[in-house]
Each structure stands twice: as C-alpha cells, then as structure tokens.
Amino acid sequence: MYGEGAVVNLATDKLDRMTLPNLLATRYAIDSGGSQLTVRAFATGFLSVFGHNPVISIRALTGQADLADGTLAHAALHVTVKAASLTIENDINDKDRGEMQRAMQAEVLESDEFPEITYAASRISGNMIGEGQFSVVVEGELALHGVARSEPFSARVFVTGDLLRASGEFAVRMSDYQIKPVSAVGGGLKLKDELKITFDVVARKQG
C-alpha cells in the first residue's frame, strides 16, 4: 500500500494496468500466536490401540495473504513453516514423547537438511457467501522434504475489520514427498502414509 502523501497519477500511464489490482489489494500478515495449525498422523502397531495417533502442532508459522475488497480475482497466499517448530502434543509419558519427537525431526522431516516447509498459491477461486465471507478453493504448491507438489485445498475465509481468518483441512501422503515409513517407541508405533492437516489461521491487516 502507498504511504501517506504518496501521489498516483494514472493519467501519466506510468502505472501498468496489470499491476493495479495488486496495488489495490490489502495485505494481511499471519498472526502465528493467534493461529492453529495441526497435523494428525495415524498409527499402526500395537501401541495404536492405546490411542497413540500422533498429534503435531506447528508453532513457527509466517506468511501473508493479499485480498482486494469483495473479490478473489487477485488474491494471493504464501506461507512458511519452520520444520523444527513441529511439536508432538499427545498426552503420553515424557520418554515416549521424546522418542516420537526425535523420530519426527530426524527421520520424517529431516529438518536439519530441509528446515522450511512452504506453500504458495497460484490461484484462489470461490464465491462470496456473505458479507466478508468466502468459500474458496486454493490451488498451490507445497514444498516439503525437498519435494514440491500441487496440493489444492478448500477453506472458509472471513474478513472482519482488520482481521482475516481462514479455516479448513486437507490431507497429504508422506510417500508423495519421499518420506520413508518410520517407527518409534521401540518399533511399537508405526505411521500410516496419510497425514491430515487442520488449520485455523488468523492474519492481521498491514499498513
């Protein structure tokens, strides 16, 4: 957005028409503290009967969304996650949680080698379903574990005052990202291929 006192003279034709919608869009920065992003894995093995399906929270979440008033035509989204911030949240003993955390970071994410997970939208489409409310389909690329793949998802978006809120869920397969099956807790806990990602993301209007 333009700062105070900035002058835009459209008559001079110095502003390319193709860039105008982007300049008119409002930018929202993700509020990591106000957002919830959860990954649910599904276990096999003898410990699975005790409800040891790993629940993983993502704490270090940054990014921005661009949205022009009343339209999705030029909406944009980019999100970055620090892989090392993923944390096991299960109510289990410290030893098992520590082993699950180690396996996730060292064997699943390999976060020392692949420290960031990113998502960049190439297209956002949908309908306005109410005042400041949208039902959208986001088409974009997820980069995880050194592999980038198209991963579309659906979401509900609410814009109220200076806040934008988006919620939804989608699934990914670890094998699509060259993540090998792993086990933890002495081999008693193994993970299925599919992960379910649930998000409730809050972003705040900038400038």
C-alpha atoms as a PDB file:
ATOM      1  CA  MET A   1       0.000   0.000   0.000  1.00  0.00           C
ATOM      2  CA  TYR A   2       1.081   3.573  -0.572  1.00  0.00           C
ATOM      3  CA  GLY A   3       2.409   5.619   2.335  1.00  0.00           C
ATOM      4  CA  GLU A   4       0.981   8.919   3.480  1.00  0.00           C
ATOM      5  CA  GLY A   5       1.376  11.691   0.947  1.00  0.00           C
ATOM      6  CA  ALA A   6       2.015   9.341  -1.974  1.00  0.00           C
ATOM      7  CA  VAL A   7       0.559  10.503  -5.288  1.00  0.00           C
ATOM      8  CA  VAL A   8      -0.515   8.114  -8.060  1.00  0.00           C
ATOM      9  CA  ASN A   9      -1.135   9.821 -11.405  1.00  0.00           C
ATOM     10  CA  LEU A  10      -2.965   7.349 -13.611  1.00  0.00           C
ATOM     11  CA  ALA A  11      -3.150   9.910 -16.408  1.00  0.00           C
ATOM     12  CA  THR A  12       0.596   9.676 -16.959  1.00  0.00           C
ATOM     13  CA  ASP A  13       0.185   5.950 -17.731  1.00  0.00           C
ATOM     14  CA  LYS A  14       3.281   5.226 -15.598  1.00  0.00           C
ATOM     15  CA  LEU A  15       1.338   2.574 -13.709  1.00  0.00           C
ATOM     16  CA  ASP A  16       0.830  -0.590 -15.735  1.00  0.00           C
ATOM     17  CA  ARG A  17      -2.819  -1.619 -15.733  1.00  0.00           C
ATOM     18  CA  MET A  18      -1.888  -5.204 -14.970  1.00  0.00           C
ATOM     19  CA  THR A  19      -0.321  -4.210 -11.640  1.00  0.00           C
ATOM     20  CA  LEU A  20      -3.184  -2.008 -10.464  1.00  0.00           C
ATOM     21  CA  PRO A  21      -5.345  -4.764  -8.884  1.00  0.00           C
ATOM     22  CA  ASN A  22      -2.362  -5.971  -6.829  1.00  0.00           C
ATOM     23  CA  LEU A  23      -1.673  -2.451  -5.566  1.00  0.00           C
ATOM     24  CA  LEU A  24      -5.313  -2.088  -4.533  1.00  0.00           C
ATOM     25  CA  ALA A  25      -5.312  -5.374  -2.641  1.00  0.00           C
ATOM     26  CA  THR A  26      -4.985  -5.373   1.132  1.00  0.00           C
ATOM     27  CA  ARG A  27      -2.134  -7.357   2.661  1.00  0.00           C
ATOM     28  CA  TYR A  28      -2.703  -9.432   5.783  1.00  0.00           C
ATOM     29  CA  ALA A  29       0.222 -10.863   7.775  1.00  0.00           C
ATOM     30  CA  ILE A  30      -0.280 -14.177   9.560  1.00  0.00           C
ATOM     31  CA  ASP A  31      -0.502 -13.939  13.349  1.00  0.00           C
ATOM     32  CA  SER A  32       1.368 -17.049  14.461  1.00  0.00           C
ATOM     33  CA  GLY A  33       0.249 -16.702  18.083  1.00  0.00           C
ATOM     34  CA  GLY A  34      -3.420 -16.469  17.133  1.00  0.00           C
ATOM     35  CA  SER A  35      -3.345 -19.290  14.592  1.00  0.00           C
ATOM     36  CA  GLN A  36      -3.658 -23.045  14.992  1.00  0.00           C
ATOM     37  CA  LEU A  37      -2.161 -25.500  12.507  1.00  0.00           C
ATOM     38  CA  THR A  38      -2.350 -29.167  13.466  1.00  0.00           C
ATOM     39  CA  VAL A  39      -1.070 -32.302  11.751  1.00  0.00           C
ATOM     40  CA  ARG A  40      -2.669 -35.621  12.643  1.00  0.00           C
ATOM     41  CA  ALA A  41      -0.833 -38.850  11.845  1.00  0.00           C
ATOM     42  CA  PHE A  42      -2.436 -42.271  12.112  1.00  0.00           C
ATOM     43  CA  ALA A  43      -0.650 -45.128  13.816  1.00  0.00           C
ATOM     44  CA  THR A  44      -0.381 -48.840  13.245  1.00  0.00           C
ATOM     45  CA  GLY A  45       1.431 -51.273  15.516  1.00  0.00           C
ATOM     46  CA  PHE A  46       0.493 -52.481  18.970  1.00  0.00           C
ATOM     47  CA  LEU A  47       0.573 -49.002  20.566  1.00  0.00           C
ATOM     48  CA  SER A  48      -2.100 -47.758  18.157  1.00  0.00           C
ATOM     49  CA  VAL A  49      -4.777 -49.484  20.255  1.00  0.00           C
ATOM     50  CA  PHE A  50      -3.888 -47.102  23.108  1.00  0.00           C
ATOM     51  CA  GLY A  51      -4.741 -44.058  21.014  1.00  0.00           C
ATOM     52  CA  HIS A  52      -1.141 -43.129  20.199  1.00  0.00           C
ATOM     53  CA  ASN A  53      -2.053 -41.360  16.966  1.00  0.00           C
ATOM     54  CA  PRO A  54       0.482 -38.519  16.913  1.00  0.00           C
ATOM     55  CA  VAL A  55      -0.988 -35.005  17.117  1.00  0.00           C
ATOM     56  CA  ILE A  56       1.508 -32.401  15.983  1.00  0.00           C
ATOM     57  CA  SER A  57       1.226 -28.636  16.394  1.00  0.00           C
ATOM     58  CA  ILE A  58       3.033 -26.133  14.198  1.00  0.00           C
ATOM     59  CA  ARG A  59       4.279 -23.119  16.133  1.00  0.00           C
ATOM     60  CA  ALA A  60       6.568 -21.110  13.813  1.00  0.00           C
ATOM     61  CA  LEU A  61       4.182 -20.005  11.068  1.00  0.00           C
ATOM     62  CA  THR A  62       4.697 -16.881   8.957  1.00  0.00           C
ATOM     63  CA  GLY A  63       3.333 -15.546   5.698  1.00  0.00           C
ATOM     64  CA  GLN A  64       0.846 -13.216   4.109  1.00  0.00           C
ATOM     65  CA  ALA A  65      -2.395 -13.104   2.155  1.00  0.00           C
ATOM     66  CA  ASP A  66      -3.490 -10.435  -0.320  1.00  0.00           C
ATOM     67  CA  LEU A  67      -7.183  -9.760  -0.849  1.00  0.00           C
ATOM     68  CA  ALA A  68      -8.980  -6.963  -2.694  1.00  0.00           C
ATOM     69  CA  ASP A  69     -12.321  -5.869  -1.267  1.00  0.00           C
ATOM     70  CA  GLY A  70     -15.176  -8.059  -2.455  1.00  0.00           C
ATOM     71  CA  THR A  71     -13.226 -10.124  -4.991  1.00  0.00           C
ATOM     72  CA  LEU A  72     -10.913 -13.126  -5.203  1.00  0.00           C
ATOM     73  CA  ALA A  73      -9.655 -12.234  -8.674  1.00  0.00           C
ATOM     74  CA  HIS A  74      -6.206 -11.155  -7.496  1.00  0.00           C
ATOM     75  CA  ALA A  75      -5.988 -12.951  -4.142  1.00  0.00           C
ATOM     76  CA  ALA A  76      -2.609 -14.391  -3.167  1.00  0.00           C
ATOM     77  CA  LEU A  77      -1.179 -16.528  -0.374  1.00  0.00           C
ATOM     78  CA  HIS A  78       2.283 -17.523   0.803  1.00  0.00           C
ATOM     79  CA  VAL A  79       3.055 -19.459   3.998  1.00  0.00           C
ATOM     80  CA  THR A  80       6.355 -20.576   5.547  1.00  0.00           C
ATOM     81  CA  VAL A  81       6.732 -23.055   8.412  1.00  0.00           C
ATOM     82  CA  LYS A  82       9.935 -23.813  10.314  1.00  0.00           C
ATOM     83  CA  ALA A  83      10.150 -27.601  10.302  1.00  0.00           C
ATOM     84  CA  ALA A  84      11.935 -27.649  13.675  1.00  0.00           C
ATOM     85  CA  SER A  85       8.891 -25.981  15.270  1.00  0.00           C
ATOM     86  CA  LEU A  86       6.657 -29.043  14.811  1.00  0.00           C
ATOM     87  CA  THR A  87       5.896 -30.421  18.271  1.00  0.00           C
ATOM     88  CA  ILE A  88       4.248 -33.648  19.489  1.00  0.00           C
ATOM     89  CA  GLU A  89       1.226 -32.749  21.640  1.00  0.00           C
ATOM     90  CA  ASN A  90      -0.003 -36.195  22.749  1.00  0.00           C
ATOM     91  CA  ASP A  91      -0.707 -36.775  26.435  1.00  0.00           C
ATOM     92  CA  ILE A  92       1.882 -39.526  26.864  1.00  0.00           C
ATOM     93  CA  ASN A  93       4.897 -40.059  29.089  1.00  0.00           C
ATOM     94  CA  ASP A  94       7.949 -37.903  28.509  1.00  0.00           C
ATOM     95  CA  LYS A  95      10.093 -40.794  27.283  1.00  0.00           C
ATOM     96  CA  ASP A  96       7.636 -41.804  24.531  1.00  0.00           C
ATOM     97  CA  ARG A  97       7.012 -38.191  23.546  1.00  0.00           C
ATOM     98  CA  GLY A  98      10.744 -37.551  23.310  1.00  0.00           C
ATOM     99  CA  GLU A  99      11.235 -40.618  21.103  1.00  0.00           C
ATOM    100  CA  MET A 100       8.340 -39.612  18.843  1.00  0.00           C
ATOM    101  CA  GLN A 101       9.706 -36.070  18.626  1.00  0.00           C
ATOM    102  CA  ARG A 102      13.177 -37.353  17.725  1.00  0.00           C
ATOM    103  CA  ALA A 103      11.831 -39.686  15.049  1.00  0.00           C
ATOM    104  CA  MET A 104       9.688 -36.919  13.540  1.00  0.00           C
ATOM    105  CA  GLN A 105      12.544 -34.427  13.291  1.00  0.00           C
ATOM    106  CA  ALA A 106      15.399 -36.773  12.376  1.00  0.00           C
ATOM    107  CA  GLU A 107      13.677 -39.435  10.269  1.00  0.00           C
ATOM    108  CA  VAL A 108      10.426 -37.960   8.940  1.00  0.00           C
ATOM    109  CA  LEU A 109      11.096 -34.268   8.345  1.00  0.00           C
ATOM    110  CA  GLU A 110      14.909 -34.426   8.336  1.00  0.00           C
ATOM    111  CA  SER A 111      14.639 -30.824   9.468  1.00  0.00           C
ATOM    112  CA  ASP A 112      18.389 -30.163   9.565  1.00  0.00           C
ATOM    113  CA  GLU A 113      18.530 -30.755   5.813  1.00  0.00           C
ATOM    114  CA  PHE A 114      15.080 -29.348   4.972  1.00  0.00           C
ATOM    115  CA  PRO A 115      14.497 -26.562   7.512  1.00  0.00           C
ATOM    116  CA  GLU A 116      11.479 -24.909   5.849  1.00  0.00           C
ATOM    117  CA  ILE A 117       8.077 -26.013   4.603  1.00  0.00           C
ATOM    118  CA  THR A 118       6.352 -23.575   2.243  1.00  0.00           C
ATOM    119  CA  TYR A 119       3.029 -23.191   0.499  1.00  0.00           C
ATOM    120  CA  ALA A 120       2.491 -20.717  -2.346  1.00  0.00           C
ATOM    121  CA  ALA A 121      -0.891 -20.296  -4.026  1.00  0.00           C
ATOM    122  CA  SER A 122      -1.041 -19.944  -7.795  1.00  0.00           C
ATOM    123  CA  ARG A 123      -4.825 -19.432  -7.940  1.00  0.00           C
ATOM    124  CA  ILE A 124      -7.617 -18.761  -5.448  1.00  0.00           C
ATOM    125  CA  SER A 125     -11.200 -19.111  -6.612  1.00  0.00           C
ATOM    126  CA  GLY A 126     -14.608 -19.379  -4.999  1.00  0.00           C
ATOM    127  CA  ASN A 127     -17.718 -17.490  -4.020  1.00  0.00           C
ATOM    128  CA  MET A 128     -18.689 -14.730  -1.669  1.00  0.00           C
ATOM    129  CA  ILE A 129     -21.254 -16.374   0.633  1.00  0.00           C
ATOM    130  CA  GLY A 130     -21.963 -13.404   2.875  1.00  0.00           C
ATOM    131  CA  GLU A 131     -20.647 -10.018   3.886  1.00  0.00           C
ATOM    132  CA  GLY A 132     -16.881 -10.543   4.206  1.00  0.00           C
ATOM    133  CA  GLN A 133     -17.297 -14.335   3.923  1.00  0.00           C
ATOM    134  CA  PHE A 134     -15.899 -16.546   1.171  1.00  0.00           C
ATOM    135  CA  SER A 135     -15.901 -20.235   0.318  1.00  0.00           C
ATOM    136  CA  VAL A 136     -12.658 -20.768  -1.598  1.00  0.00           C
ATOM    137  CA  VAL A 137     -10.537 -23.341  -3.356  1.00  0.00           C
ATOM    138  CA  VAL A 138      -6.815 -22.668  -3.113  1.00  0.00           C
ATOM    139  CA  GLU A 139      -4.572 -24.147  -5.788  1.00  0.00           C
ATOM    140  CA  GLY A 140      -0.899 -24.010  -4.942  1.00  0.00           C
ATOM    141  CA  GLU A 141       2.373 -25.778  -4.410  1.00  0.00           C
ATOM    142  CA  LEU A 142       3.512 -27.380  -1.163  1.00  0.00           C
ATOM    143  CA  ALA A 143       7.292 -27.712  -0.773  1.00  0.00           C
ATOM    144  CA  LEU A 144       8.146 -30.346   1.851  1.00  0.00           C
ATOM    145  CA  HIS A 145      11.213 -32.523   2.416  1.00  0.00           C
ATOM    146  CA  GLY A 146      12.859 -31.263  -0.766  1.00  0.00           C
ATOM    147  CA  VAL A 147       9.841 -32.074  -2.966  1.00  0.00           C
ATOM    148  CA  ALA A 148       7.346 -29.557  -4.404  1.00  0.00           C
ATOM    149  CA  ARG A 149       3.868 -30.752  -5.426  1.00  0.00           C
ATOM    150  CA  SER A 150       0.497 -29.288  -6.259  1.00  0.00           C
ATOM    151  CA  GLU A 151      -1.773 -29.531  -3.185  1.00  0.00           C
ATOM    152  CA  PRO A 152      -5.192 -27.846  -3.570  1.00  0.00           C
ATOM    153  CA  PHE A 153      -7.482 -27.391  -0.583  1.00  0.00           C
ATOM    154  CA  SER A 154     -10.802 -25.819   0.350  1.00  0.00           C
ATOM    155  CA  ALA A 155     -11.297 -23.204   3.051  1.00  0.00           C
ATOM    156  CA  ARG A 156     -13.752 -20.779   4.581  1.00  0.00           C
ATOM    157  CA  VAL A 157     -12.464 -17.222   4.769  1.00  0.00           C
ATOM    158  CA  PHE A 158     -13.898 -14.484   7.000  1.00  0.00           C
ATOM    159  CA  VAL A 159     -12.835 -10.835   6.815  1.00  0.00           C
ATOM    160  CA  THR A 160     -13.889  -8.661   9.774  1.00  0.00           C
ATOM    161  CA  GLY A 161     -12.376  -5.224  10.288  1.00  0.00           C
ATOM    162  CA  ASP A 162      -8.602  -5.636  10.289  1.00  0.00           C
ATOM    163  CA  LEU A 163      -8.706  -9.430  10.659  1.00  0.00           C
ATOM    164  CA  LEU A 164      -8.779 -12.217   8.096  1.00  0.00           C
ATOM    165  CA  ARG A 165      -9.486 -15.735   9.286  1.00  0.00           C
ATOM    166  CA  ALA A 166      -9.287 -18.944   7.229  1.00  0.00           C
ATOM    167  CA  SER A 167     -10.145 -22.469   8.328  1.00  0.00           C
ATOM    168  CA  GLY A 168     -10.274 -25.902   6.725  1.00  0.00           C
ATOM    169  CA  GLU A 169      -8.417 -29.173   6.348  1.00  0.00           C
ATOM    170  CA  PHE A 170      -6.688 -31.266   3.729  1.00  0.00           C
ATOM    171  CA  ALA A 171      -4.661 -34.485   3.501  1.00  0.00           C
ATOM    172  CA  VAL A 172      -1.188 -35.240   2.178  1.00  0.00           C
ATOM    173  CA  ARG A 173       0.680 -38.510   1.678  1.00  0.00           C
ATOM    174  CA  MET A 174       4.205 -38.804   3.041  1.00  0.00           C
ATOM    175  CA  SER A 175       5.237 -41.026   0.143  1.00  0.00           C
ATOM    176  CA  ASP A 176       4.478 -38.170  -2.276  1.00  0.00           C
ATOM    177  CA  TYR A 177       7.294 -36.238  -0.595  1.00  0.00           C
ATOM    178  CA  GLN A 178       9.795 -39.096  -0.494  1.00  0.00           C
ATOM    179  CA  ILE A 179       9.335 -39.583   3.247  1.00  0.00           C
ATOM    180  CA  LYS A 180      10.014 -43.176   4.190  1.00  0.00           C
ATOM    181  CA  PRO A 181       7.829 -45.091   6.659  1.00  0.00           C
ATOM    182  CA  VAL A 182       9.261 -44.800  10.155  1.00  0.00           C
ATOM    183  CA  SER A 183       8.652 -46.349  13.550  1.00  0.00           C
ATOM    184  CA  ALA A 184       9.162 -45.121  17.091  1.00  0.00           C
ATOM    185  CA  VAL A 185       8.793 -46.255  20.708  1.00  0.00           C
ATOM    186  CA  GLY A 186      10.788 -49.429  20.178  1.00  0.00           C
ATOM    187  CA  GLY A 187       9.004 -50.272  16.954  1.00  0.00           C
ATOM    188  CA  GLY A 188       5.607 -50.344  18.647  1.00  0.00           C
ATOM    189  CA  LEU A 189       4.379 -47.277  16.781  1.00  0.00           C
ATOM    190  CA  LYS A 190       4.378 -47.040  13.007  1.00  0.00           C
ATOM    191  CA  LEU A 191       2.692 -44.400  10.882  1.00  0.00           C
ATOM    192  CA  LYS A 192       0.281 -44.740   8.006  1.00  0.00           C
ATOM    193  CA  ASP A 193       1.065 -42.843   4.814  1.00  0.00           C
ATOM    194  CA  GLU A 194      -1.668 -40.213   5.051  1.00  0.00           C
ATOM    195  CA  LEU A 195      -1.487 -37.108   7.223  1.00  0.00           C
ATOM    196  CA  LYS A 196      -4.445 -34.830   7.894  1.00  0.00           C
ATOM    197  CA  ILE A 197      -3.727 -31.104   8.255  1.00  0.00           C
ATOM    198  CA  THR A 198      -6.273 -28.871  10.005  1.00  0.00           C
ATOM    199  CA  PHE A 199      -5.863 -25.104  10.073  1.00  0.00           C
ATOM    200  CA  ASP A 200      -7.481 -22.075  11.674  1.00  0.00           C
ATOM    201  CA  VAL A 201      -5.254 -19.196  10.611  1.00  0.00           C
ATOM    202  CA  VAL A 202      -5.615 -15.574  11.680  1.00  0.00           C
ATOM    203  CA  ALA A 203      -3.975 -12.747   9.722  1.00  0.00           C
ATOM    204  CA  ARG A 204      -3.905  -9.021  10.506  1.00  0.00           C
ATOM    205  CA  LYS A 205      -4.232  -6.122   8.096  1.00  0.00           C
ATOM    206  CA  GLN A 206      -0.959  -4.343   7.354  1.00  0.00           C
ATOM    207  CA  GLY A 207      -0.235  -0.665   6.845  1.00  0.00           C
END
